[in-house]
Amino acid sequence: MPHFEFVKSSHSSGDGECVEVARNLPHTIALRDSKNPAGAIVTVGPRAWRAFPAHLARRR
């Protein structure tokens, strides 16, 4: 398994709704729930990662 260096998202709320992101490996962005660091890790490529905030903005 790759070694991901997770950091808490600056957009995470203060009420425990936190996402951690790792961008230390080339061509891979990893996400996990900070409340469950041993749980599932979702990985996406840079193109999908760039599309994510645009998708969220359209849903507002």
N, C-alpha and C. Protein backbone atom coordinates (compact mmCIF):
# COMPACT_ATOMS: atom_id res chain seq x y z
N MET A 1 0.85 -1.18 0.00
CA MET A 1 0.00 0.00 0.00
C MET A 1 0.89 1.24 0.00
N PRO A 2 0.54 2.24 -0.80
CA PRO A 2 1.33 3.47 -0.82
C PRO A 2 1.29 4.18 0.53
N HIS A 3 2.31 4.98 0.77
CA HIS A 3 2.36 5.77 2.00
C HIS A 3 1.76 7.14 1.72
N PHE A 4 0.55 7.36 2.20
CA PHE A 4 -0.12 8.64 2.03
C PHE A 4 0.16 9.51 3.24
N GLU A 5 0.44 10.77 3.00
CA GLU A 5 0.63 11.75 4.07
C GLU A 5 -0.60 12.65 4.10
N PHE A 6 -1.54 12.29 4.97
CA PHE A 6 -2.82 12.98 5.02
C PHE A 6 -2.73 14.28 5.82
N VAL A 7 -3.46 15.29 5.35
CA VAL A 7 -3.64 16.54 6.07
C VAL A 7 -5.14 16.84 6.07
N LYS A 8 -5.60 17.49 7.11
CA LYS A 8 -7.02 17.84 7.20
C LYS A 8 -7.32 18.95 6.21
N SER A 9 -8.41 18.83 5.52
CA SER A 9 -8.82 19.83 4.55
C SER A 9 -9.10 21.16 5.25
N SER A 10 -8.70 22.24 4.63
CA SER A 10 -8.98 23.57 5.19
C SER A 10 -10.47 23.89 5.14
N HIS A 11 -11.23 23.11 4.39
CA HIS A 11 -12.68 23.32 4.28
C HIS A 11 -13.47 22.46 5.26
N SER A 12 -12.79 21.67 6.07
CA SER A 12 -13.48 20.82 7.03
C SER A 12 -14.10 21.69 8.12
N SER A 13 -15.27 21.26 8.57
CA SER A 13 -15.97 22.03 9.60
C SER A 13 -15.42 21.70 10.98
N GLY A 14 -15.74 22.51 11.95
CA GLY A 14 -15.27 22.31 13.31
C GLY A 14 -16.12 21.33 14.11
N ASP A 15 -17.16 20.77 13.51
CA ASP A 15 -18.05 19.87 14.26
C ASP A 15 -17.79 18.40 13.98
N GLY A 16 -16.58 18.06 13.58
CA GLY A 16 -16.23 16.66 13.36
C GLY A 16 -16.44 16.16 11.95
N GLU A 17 -17.01 16.99 11.10
CA GLU A 17 -17.20 16.62 9.70
C GLU A 17 -15.92 16.93 8.94
N CYS A 18 -14.95 16.04 9.01
CA CYS A 18 -13.63 16.34 8.48
C CYS A 18 -13.20 15.35 7.41
N VAL A 19 -12.56 15.88 6.40
CA VAL A 19 -11.98 15.08 5.34
C VAL A 19 -10.48 15.35 5.36
N GLU A 20 -9.71 14.29 5.18
CA GLU A 20 -8.26 14.43 5.08
C GLU A 20 -7.86 14.09 3.66
N VAL A 21 -6.87 14.83 3.16
CA VAL A 21 -6.43 14.68 1.78
C VAL A 21 -4.93 14.44 1.77
N ALA A 22 -4.49 13.52 0.92
CA ALA A 22 -3.06 13.28 0.72
C ALA A 22 -2.75 13.53 -0.75
N ARG A 23 -1.76 14.40 -0.98
CA ARG A 23 -1.35 14.71 -2.36
C ARG A 23 0.15 14.54 -2.53
N ASN A 24 0.75 13.66 -1.73
CA ASN A 24 2.20 13.52 -1.74
C ASN A 24 2.72 12.53 -2.80
N LEU A 25 1.84 11.80 -3.45
CA LEU A 25 2.27 10.87 -4.49
C LEU A 25 1.88 11.40 -5.86
N PRO A 26 2.75 11.27 -6.84
CA PRO A 26 2.43 11.76 -8.18
C PRO A 26 1.20 11.07 -8.76
N HIS A 27 0.36 11.84 -9.38
CA HIS A 27 -0.80 11.33 -10.13
C HIS A 27 -1.86 10.67 -9.25
N THR A 28 -1.81 10.86 -7.93
CA THR A 28 -2.78 10.24 -7.03
C THR A 28 -3.18 11.22 -5.93
N ILE A 29 -4.47 11.38 -5.73
CA ILE A 29 -4.99 12.14 -4.61
C ILE A 29 -5.81 11.15 -3.79
N ALA A 30 -5.54 11.08 -2.49
CA ALA A 30 -6.23 10.14 -1.61
C ALA A 30 -7.07 10.92 -0.60
N LEU A 31 -8.25 10.40 -0.29
CA LEU A 31 -9.16 11.03 0.66
C LEU A 31 -9.61 9.99 1.68
N ARG A 32 -9.80 10.46 2.92
CA ARG A 32 -10.35 9.59 3.96
C ARG A 32 -11.10 10.45 4.98
N ASP A 33 -11.91 9.78 5.76
CA ASP A 33 -12.67 10.41 6.84
C ASP A 33 -11.75 10.49 8.05
N SER A 34 -11.53 11.69 8.58
CA SER A 34 -10.61 11.85 9.71
C SER A 34 -11.13 11.16 10.97
N LYS A 35 -12.44 10.92 11.06
CA LYS A 35 -12.99 10.23 12.23
C LYS A 35 -12.70 8.74 12.19
N ASN A 36 -12.30 8.23 11.02
CA ASN A 36 -12.03 6.81 10.85
C ASN A 36 -10.76 6.61 10.01
N PRO A 37 -9.60 6.96 10.55
CA PRO A 37 -8.37 6.89 9.76
C PRO A 37 -7.98 5.48 9.32
N ALA A 38 -8.51 4.45 9.96
CA ALA A 38 -8.22 3.08 9.54
C ALA A 38 -9.23 2.58 8.52
N GLY A 39 -10.20 3.43 8.19
CA GLY A 39 -11.25 3.03 7.26
C GLY A 39 -10.83 3.15 5.81
N ALA A 40 -11.81 3.23 4.97
CA ALA A 40 -11.61 3.26 3.53
C ALA A 40 -10.86 4.51 3.08
N ILE A 41 -10.05 4.33 2.04
CA ILE A 41 -9.35 5.43 1.39
C ILE A 41 -9.82 5.46 -0.06
N VAL A 42 -10.24 6.61 -0.51
CA VAL A 42 -10.66 6.80 -1.89
C VAL A 42 -9.52 7.49 -2.63
N THR A 43 -9.13 6.95 -3.78
CA THR A 43 -8.09 7.60 -4.58
C THR A 43 -8.66 8.02 -5.92
N VAL A 44 -8.21 9.17 -6.37
CA VAL A 44 -8.62 9.71 -7.67
C VAL A 44 -7.39 10.30 -8.35
N GLY A 45 -7.52 10.49 -9.64
CA GLY A 45 -6.46 11.14 -10.40
C GLY A 45 -6.60 12.65 -10.36
N PRO A 46 -5.58 13.36 -10.79
CA PRO A 46 -5.61 14.82 -10.77
C PRO A 46 -6.78 15.43 -11.55
N ARG A 47 -7.12 14.84 -12.67
CA ARG A 47 -8.21 15.39 -13.48
C ARG A 47 -9.54 15.32 -12.71
N ALA A 48 -9.82 14.18 -12.08
CA ALA A 48 -11.05 14.04 -11.30
C ALA A 48 -11.04 14.98 -10.10
N TRP A 49 -9.88 15.14 -9.48
CA TRP A 49 -9.76 16.03 -8.32
C TRP A 49 -10.06 17.47 -8.71
N ARG A 50 -9.56 17.91 -9.87
CA ARG A 50 -9.83 19.28 -10.32
C ARG A 50 -11.30 19.47 -10.66
N ALA A 51 -11.96 18.43 -11.15
CA ALA A 51 -13.37 18.54 -11.52
C ALA A 51 -14.29 18.56 -10.30
N PHE A 52 -13.85 18.03 -9.19
CA PHE A 52 -14.68 17.91 -8.00
C PHE A 52 -15.21 19.25 -7.49
N PRO A 53 -14.37 20.27 -7.24
CA PRO A 53 -14.93 21.54 -6.75
C PRO A 53 -15.86 22.21 -7.76
N ALA A 54 -15.57 22.04 -9.04
CA ALA A 54 -16.45 22.62 -10.06
C ALA A 54 -17.83 21.96 -10.00
N HIS A 55 -17.86 20.66 -9.80
CA HIS A 55 -19.13 19.94 -9.67
C HIS A 55 -19.90 20.43 -8.44
N LEU A 56 -19.21 20.58 -7.32
CA LEU A 56 -19.88 21.06 -6.10
C LEU A 56 -20.45 22.47 -6.29
N ALA A 57 -19.70 23.31 -6.97
CA ALA A 57 -20.16 24.68 -7.19
C ALA A 57 -21.43 24.71 -8.03
N ARG A 58 -21.54 23.81 -9.00
CA ARG A 58 -22.75 23.76 -9.84
C ARG A 58 -23.97 23.28 -9.06
N ARG A 59 -23.75 22.51 -8.00
CA ARG A 59 -24.86 21.96 -7.22
C ARG A 59 -25.44 22.97 -6.24
N ARG A 60 -24.78 24.06 -6.00
CA ARG A 60 -25.25 25.06 -5.03
C ARG A 60 -26.32 25.92 -5.60
